[in-house]
Amino acid sequence: MHRLHLSGSHEDLGHLARHMSSLMHRVLNTGFSPGGKASDWTPAVDICEMPDRYDIIIELAGVRRDDIEVFTENHYLTVAGWRGDPTPRDKVCVHQMEIEQGQFCRRVHLPDDADEASVSARHRDGFLTITIPKRAAAPLAGRACRGSTAEKPRRTPQENKP
């Protein structure tokens, strides 16, 4: 348990707010590693949709490529791994320690049109970018699509005049 002495300083209140935010984030977003152990920390994730794919960008500063697992299963993408302690081994005293370390896991539910069999990943500059192409949608039978021969041609305003 952490005890904070609130002397009324803005610095103490800012620390309390960051601590509470971190706790809430862990409660709401903590995953479990593939081995079933609870995560020590949860990396930030951005999810972007393009016309032909989804890009999932995960902030993994200080995590080596060999310490990351990426897999899909049952419409979920799972990214799990380990980040070690970045502080010098010969430290005498640590005055502040905010960089989270240890085991992490992040799960993202994938949309139905995500092609789970064609996932690719790139690790660069502290970010893991996972690209998941969209599967081509099957055409709907008996329904005309814009630009098809079944659609009536559009008339310009000049053609509509008597």
C-alpha atoms as a PDB file:
ATOM      1  CA  MET A   1       0.000   0.000   0.000  1.00  0.00           C
ATOM      2  CA  HIS A   2       1.298   3.455  -0.845  1.00  0.00           C
ATOM      3  CA  ARG A   3       0.781   6.259   1.623  1.00  0.00           C
ATOM      4  CA  LEU A   4       0.828   9.770   0.296  1.00  0.00           C
ATOM      5  CA  HIS A   5       1.100  12.742   2.608  1.00  0.00           C
ATOM      6  CA  LEU A   6      -1.003  15.443   1.054  1.00  0.00           C
ATOM      7  CA  SER A   7       0.559  18.649   2.195  1.00  0.00           C
ATOM      8  CA  GLY A   8      -1.415  20.556  -0.364  1.00  0.00           C
ATOM      9  CA  SER A   9       1.346  20.834  -2.935  1.00  0.00           C
ATOM     10  CA  HIS A  10       0.442  20.527  -6.597  1.00  0.00           C
ATOM     11  CA  GLU A  11       3.308  18.084  -7.021  1.00  0.00           C
ATOM     12  CA  ASP A  12       1.793  15.638  -4.503  1.00  0.00           C
ATOM     13  CA  LEU A  13      -1.659  15.939  -6.078  1.00  0.00           C
ATOM     14  CA  GLY A  14      -0.201  15.386  -9.554  1.00  0.00           C
ATOM     15  CA  HIS A  15       1.565  12.256  -8.308  1.00  0.00           C
ATOM     16  CA  LEU A  16      -1.669  10.999  -6.757  1.00  0.00           C
ATOM     17  CA  ALA A  17      -3.600  11.629  -9.994  1.00  0.00           C
ATOM     18  CA  ARG A  18      -0.980   9.765 -12.062  1.00  0.00           C
ATOM     19  CA  HIS A  19      -0.962   6.890  -9.588  1.00  0.00           C
ATOM     20  CA  MET A  20      -4.773   6.594  -9.594  1.00  0.00           C
ATOM     21  CA  SER A  21      -4.854   6.772 -13.383  1.00  0.00           C
ATOM     22  CA  SER A  22      -2.230   4.036 -13.613  1.00  0.00           C
ATOM     23  CA  LEU A  23      -4.166   1.811 -11.205  1.00  0.00           C
ATOM     24  CA  MET A  24      -7.427   2.269 -13.113  1.00  0.00           C
ATOM     25  CA  HIS A  25      -5.660   1.566 -16.408  1.00  0.00           C
ATOM     26  CA  ARG A  26      -4.220  -1.665 -14.992  1.00  0.00           C
ATOM     27  CA  VAL A  27      -7.572  -2.791 -13.575  1.00  0.00           C
ATOM     28  CA  LEU A  28      -9.399  -2.161 -16.844  1.00  0.00           C
ATOM     29  CA  ASN A  29      -6.737  -3.255 -19.349  1.00  0.00           C
ATOM     30  CA  THR A  30      -4.500  -5.843 -17.710  1.00  0.00           C
ATOM     31  CA  GLY A  31      -4.270  -9.013 -19.697  1.00  0.00           C
ATOM     32  CA  PHE A  32      -2.852 -12.425 -19.002  1.00  0.00           C
ATOM     33  CA  SER A  33       0.251 -13.772 -20.648  1.00  0.00           C
ATOM     34  CA  PRO A  34       0.021 -16.933 -22.744  1.00  0.00           C
ATOM     35  CA  GLY A  35       1.157 -18.885 -19.662  1.00  0.00           C
ATOM     36  CA  GLY A  36      -1.778 -17.512 -17.650  1.00  0.00           C
ATOM     37  CA  LYS A  37       0.245 -15.161 -15.405  1.00  0.00           C
ATOM     38  CA  ALA A  38      -1.201 -11.682 -14.882  1.00  0.00           C
ATOM     39  CA  SER A  39       0.656  -8.906 -16.688  1.00  0.00           C
ATOM     40  CA  ASP A  40       2.959  -6.588 -14.783  1.00  0.00           C
ATOM     41  CA  TRP A  41       2.203  -3.689 -17.148  1.00  0.00           C
ATOM     42  CA  THR A  42       0.074  -2.890 -20.177  1.00  0.00           C
ATOM     43  CA  PRO A  43       1.522  -1.157 -23.244  1.00  0.00           C
ATOM     44  CA  ALA A  44      -0.382   1.645 -24.980  1.00  0.00           C
ATOM     45  CA  VAL A  45      -2.102   0.704 -28.271  1.00  0.00           C
ATOM     46  CA  ASP A  46      -3.409   2.699 -31.254  1.00  0.00           C
ATOM     47  CA  ILE A  47      -5.713   0.974 -33.748  1.00  0.00           C
ATOM     48  CA  CYS A  48      -6.142   2.509 -37.208  1.00  0.00           C
ATOM     49  CA  GLU A  49      -8.437   1.370 -40.005  1.00  0.00           C
ATOM     50  CA  MET A  50      -7.607   1.910 -43.667  1.00  0.00           C
ATOM     51  CA  PRO A  51      -9.710   0.880 -46.666  1.00  0.00           C
ATOM     52  CA  ASP A  52      -7.709  -2.336 -47.146  1.00  0.00           C
ATOM     53  CA  ARG A  53      -6.213  -3.105 -43.708  1.00  0.00           C
ATOM     54  CA  TYR A  54      -5.963  -2.487 -39.972  1.00  0.00           C
ATOM     55  CA  ASP A  55      -2.757  -1.181 -38.378  1.00  0.00           C
ATOM     56  CA  ILE A  56      -2.256  -1.867 -34.686  1.00  0.00           C
ATOM     57  CA  ILE A  57       0.583   0.175 -33.197  1.00  0.00           C
ATOM     58  CA  ILE A  58       1.913  -0.826 -29.784  1.00  0.00           C
ATOM     59  CA  GLU A  59       4.374   1.256 -27.772  1.00  0.00           C
ATOM     60  CA  LEU A  60       7.160  -1.088 -26.657  1.00  0.00           C
ATOM     61  CA  ALA A  61      10.156   1.108 -25.886  1.00  0.00           C
ATOM     62  CA  GLY A  62      13.032  -0.918 -24.468  1.00  0.00           C
ATOM     63  CA  VAL A  63      11.562  -4.288 -25.452  1.00  0.00           C
ATOM     64  CA  ARG A  64      13.812  -6.458 -27.609  1.00  0.00           C
ATOM     65  CA  ARG A  65      12.323  -8.073 -30.703  1.00  0.00           C
ATOM     66  CA  ASP A  66      13.210 -11.534 -29.361  1.00  0.00           C
ATOM     67  CA  ASP A  67      11.148 -10.851 -26.213  1.00  0.00           C
ATOM     68  CA  ILE A  68       7.856 -10.287 -28.104  1.00  0.00           C
ATOM     69  CA  GLU A  69       5.232 -12.879 -29.075  1.00  0.00           C
ATOM     70  CA  VAL A  70       2.460 -12.037 -31.564  1.00  0.00           C
ATOM     71  CA  PHE A  71      -0.360 -14.442 -32.417  1.00  0.00           C
ATOM     72  CA  THR A  72      -4.031 -14.523 -33.401  1.00  0.00           C
ATOM     73  CA  GLU A  73      -6.709 -16.875 -32.171  1.00  0.00           C
ATOM     74  CA  ASN A  74     -10.519 -16.779 -32.323  1.00  0.00           C
ATOM     75  CA  HIS A  75     -10.671 -13.179 -33.636  1.00  0.00           C
ATOM     76  CA  TYR A  76      -8.187 -11.899 -31.035  1.00  0.00           C
ATOM     77  CA  LEU A  77      -4.698 -10.542 -31.579  1.00  0.00           C
ATOM     78  CA  THR A  78      -2.409 -11.144 -28.604  1.00  0.00           C
ATOM     79  CA  VAL A  79       0.923  -9.400 -28.070  1.00  0.00           C
ATOM     80  CA  ALA A  80       2.899 -10.588 -25.052  1.00  0.00           C
ATOM     81  CA  GLY A  81       6.461 -10.331 -23.839  1.00  0.00           C
ATOM     82  CA  TRP A  82       8.951  -9.013 -21.348  1.00  0.00           C
ATOM     83  CA  ARG A  83      10.747  -5.740 -20.636  1.00  0.00           C
ATOM     84  CA  GLY A  84      13.709  -5.857 -18.264  1.00  0.00           C
ATOM     85  CA  ASP A  85      14.935  -3.260 -15.787  1.00  0.00           C
ATOM     86  CA  PRO A  86      16.600  -0.408 -17.731  1.00  0.00           C
ATOM     87  CA  THR A  87      18.357   1.127 -14.713  1.00  0.00           C
ATOM     88  CA  PRO A  88      22.138   0.662 -14.370  1.00  0.00           C
ATOM     89  CA  ARG A  89      23.176  -2.450 -12.476  1.00  0.00           C
ATOM     90  CA  ASP A  90      25.645  -0.503 -10.297  1.00  0.00           C
ATOM     91  CA  LYS A  91      22.983   1.890  -8.981  1.00  0.00           C
ATOM     92  CA  VAL A  92      23.419   3.076  -5.444  1.00  0.00           C
ATOM     93  CA  CYS A  93      20.080   4.786  -4.961  1.00  0.00           C
ATOM     94  CA  VAL A  94      17.018   5.198  -7.162  1.00  0.00           C
ATOM     95  CA  HIS A  95      15.283   8.537  -6.658  1.00  0.00           C
ATOM     96  CA  GLN A  96      12.421   7.945  -9.073  1.00  0.00           C
ATOM     97  CA  MET A  97      11.252   4.853 -10.938  1.00  0.00           C
ATOM     98  CA  GLU A  98       8.348   5.175 -13.375  1.00  0.00           C
ATOM     99  CA  ILE A  99       9.317   2.908 -16.285  1.00  0.00           C
ATOM    100  CA  GLU A 100       7.240  -0.223 -15.992  1.00  0.00           C
ATOM    101  CA  GLN A 101       8.993  -3.534 -16.427  1.00  0.00           C
ATOM    102  CA  GLY A 102       8.316  -7.227 -16.340  1.00  0.00           C
ATOM    103  CA  GLN A 103       5.799  -9.284 -18.214  1.00  0.00           C
ATOM    104  CA  PHE A 104       3.181  -7.622 -20.437  1.00  0.00           C
ATOM    105  CA  CYS A 105       0.242  -8.798 -22.488  1.00  0.00           C
ATOM    106  CA  ARG A 106      -2.253  -6.942 -24.658  1.00  0.00           C
ATOM    107  CA  ARG A 107      -5.268  -8.482 -26.412  1.00  0.00           C
ATOM    108  CA  VAL A 108      -7.260  -6.781 -29.144  1.00  0.00           C
ATOM    109  CA  HIS A 109     -10.535  -8.074 -30.574  1.00  0.00           C
ATOM    110  CA  LEU A 110     -10.341  -8.206 -34.367  1.00  0.00           C
ATOM    111  CA  PRO A 111     -13.211  -7.247 -36.688  1.00  0.00           C
ATOM    112  CA  ASP A 112     -14.882 -10.001 -38.719  1.00  0.00           C
ATOM    113  CA  ASP A 113     -13.242  -8.863 -41.975  1.00  0.00           C
ATOM    114  CA  ALA A 114      -9.683  -9.073 -40.582  1.00  0.00           C
ATOM    115  CA  ASP A 115      -7.590 -11.726 -42.360  1.00  0.00           C
ATOM    116  CA  GLU A 116      -5.985 -13.425 -39.352  1.00  0.00           C
ATOM    117  CA  ALA A 117      -3.884 -15.687 -41.583  1.00  0.00           C
ATOM    118  CA  SER A 118      -2.041 -12.753 -43.202  1.00  0.00           C
ATOM    119  CA  VAL A 119      -0.712 -10.813 -40.208  1.00  0.00           C
ATOM    120  CA  SER A 120       2.643  -9.039 -40.539  1.00  0.00           C
ATOM    121  CA  ALA A 121       4.638  -7.120 -37.931  1.00  0.00           C
ATOM    122  CA  ARG A 122       7.467  -4.573 -37.894  1.00  0.00           C
ATOM    123  CA  HIS A 123       9.448  -3.527 -34.785  1.00  0.00           C
ATOM    124  CA  ARG A 124      11.114  -0.123 -35.137  1.00  0.00           C
ATOM    125  CA  ASP A 125      12.007   2.842 -32.915  1.00  0.00           C
ATOM    126  CA  GLY A 126      10.178   1.466 -29.870  1.00  0.00           C
ATOM    127  CA  PHE A 127       6.940   0.712 -31.715  1.00  0.00           C
ATOM    128  CA  LEU A 128       5.551  -2.602 -32.917  1.00  0.00           C
ATOM    129  CA  THR A 129       3.304  -2.081 -35.951  1.00  0.00           C
ATOM    130  CA  ILE A 130       1.076  -5.026 -36.789  1.00  0.00           C
ATOM    131  CA  THR A 131      -0.693  -4.947 -40.144  1.00  0.00           C
ATOM    132  CA  ILE A 132      -3.753  -7.092 -40.719  1.00  0.00           C
ATOM    133  CA  PRO A 133      -5.275  -7.008 -44.219  1.00  0.00           C
ATOM    134  CA  LYS A 134      -9.021  -6.994 -44.686  1.00  0.00           C
ATOM    135  CA  ARG A 135     -10.630  -9.942 -46.450  1.00  0.00           C
ATOM    136  CA  ALA A 136     -12.449  -9.026 -49.631  1.00  0.00           C
ATOM    137  CA  ALA A 137     -16.183  -8.814 -49.004  1.00  0.00           C
ATOM    138  CA  ALA A 138     -18.269 -11.284 -50.978  1.00  0.00           C
ATOM    139  CA  PRO A 139     -20.657  -9.541 -53.378  1.00  0.00           C
ATOM    140  CA  LEU A 140     -24.285  -9.606 -52.313  1.00  0.00           C
ATOM    141  CA  ALA A 141     -26.421 -11.595 -54.787  1.00  0.00           C
ATOM    142  CA  GLY A 142     -29.269  -9.724 -56.452  1.00  0.00           C
ATOM    143  CA  ARG A 143     -28.123  -6.307 -55.290  1.00  0.00           C
ATOM    144  CA  ALA A 144     -26.758  -3.687 -57.629  1.00  0.00           C
ATOM    145  CA  CYS A 145     -23.527  -1.964 -56.701  1.00  0.00           C
ATOM    146  CA  ARG A 146     -22.689   1.600 -57.684  1.00  0.00           C
ATOM    147  CA  GLY A 147     -21.058   1.530 -61.088  1.00  0.00           C
ATOM    148  CA  SER A 148     -22.533  -1.823 -62.099  1.00  0.00           C
ATOM    149  CA  THR A 149     -24.649  -2.283 -65.236  1.00  0.00           C
ATOM    150  CA  ALA A 150     -27.749  -2.925 -63.121  1.00  0.00           C
ATOM    151  CA  GLU A 151     -27.717   0.638 -61.773  1.00  0.00           C
ATOM    152  CA  LYS A 152     -29.669   3.330 -63.612  1.00  0.00           C
ATOM    153  CA  PRO A 153     -27.401   5.974 -65.121  1.00  0.00           C
ATOM    154  CA  ARG A 154     -27.518   9.296 -63.301  1.00  0.00           C
ATOM    155  CA  ARG A 155     -28.704  12.356 -65.176  1.00  0.00           C
ATOM    156  CA  THR A 156     -27.142  15.751 -64.922  1.00  0.00           C
ATOM    157  CA  PRO A 157     -29.334  18.737 -63.981  1.00  0.00           C
ATOM    158  CA  GLN A 158     -29.243  19.911 -67.642  1.00  0.00           C
ATOM    159  CA  GLU A 159     -30.566  16.541 -68.845  1.00  0.00           C
ATOM    160  CA  ASN A 160     -33.480  16.753 -66.394  1.00  0.00           C
ATOM    161  CA  LYS A 161     -34.751  20.042 -67.944  1.00  0.00           C
ATOM    162  CA  PRO A 162     -37.655  19.718 -70.445  1.00  0.00           C
END
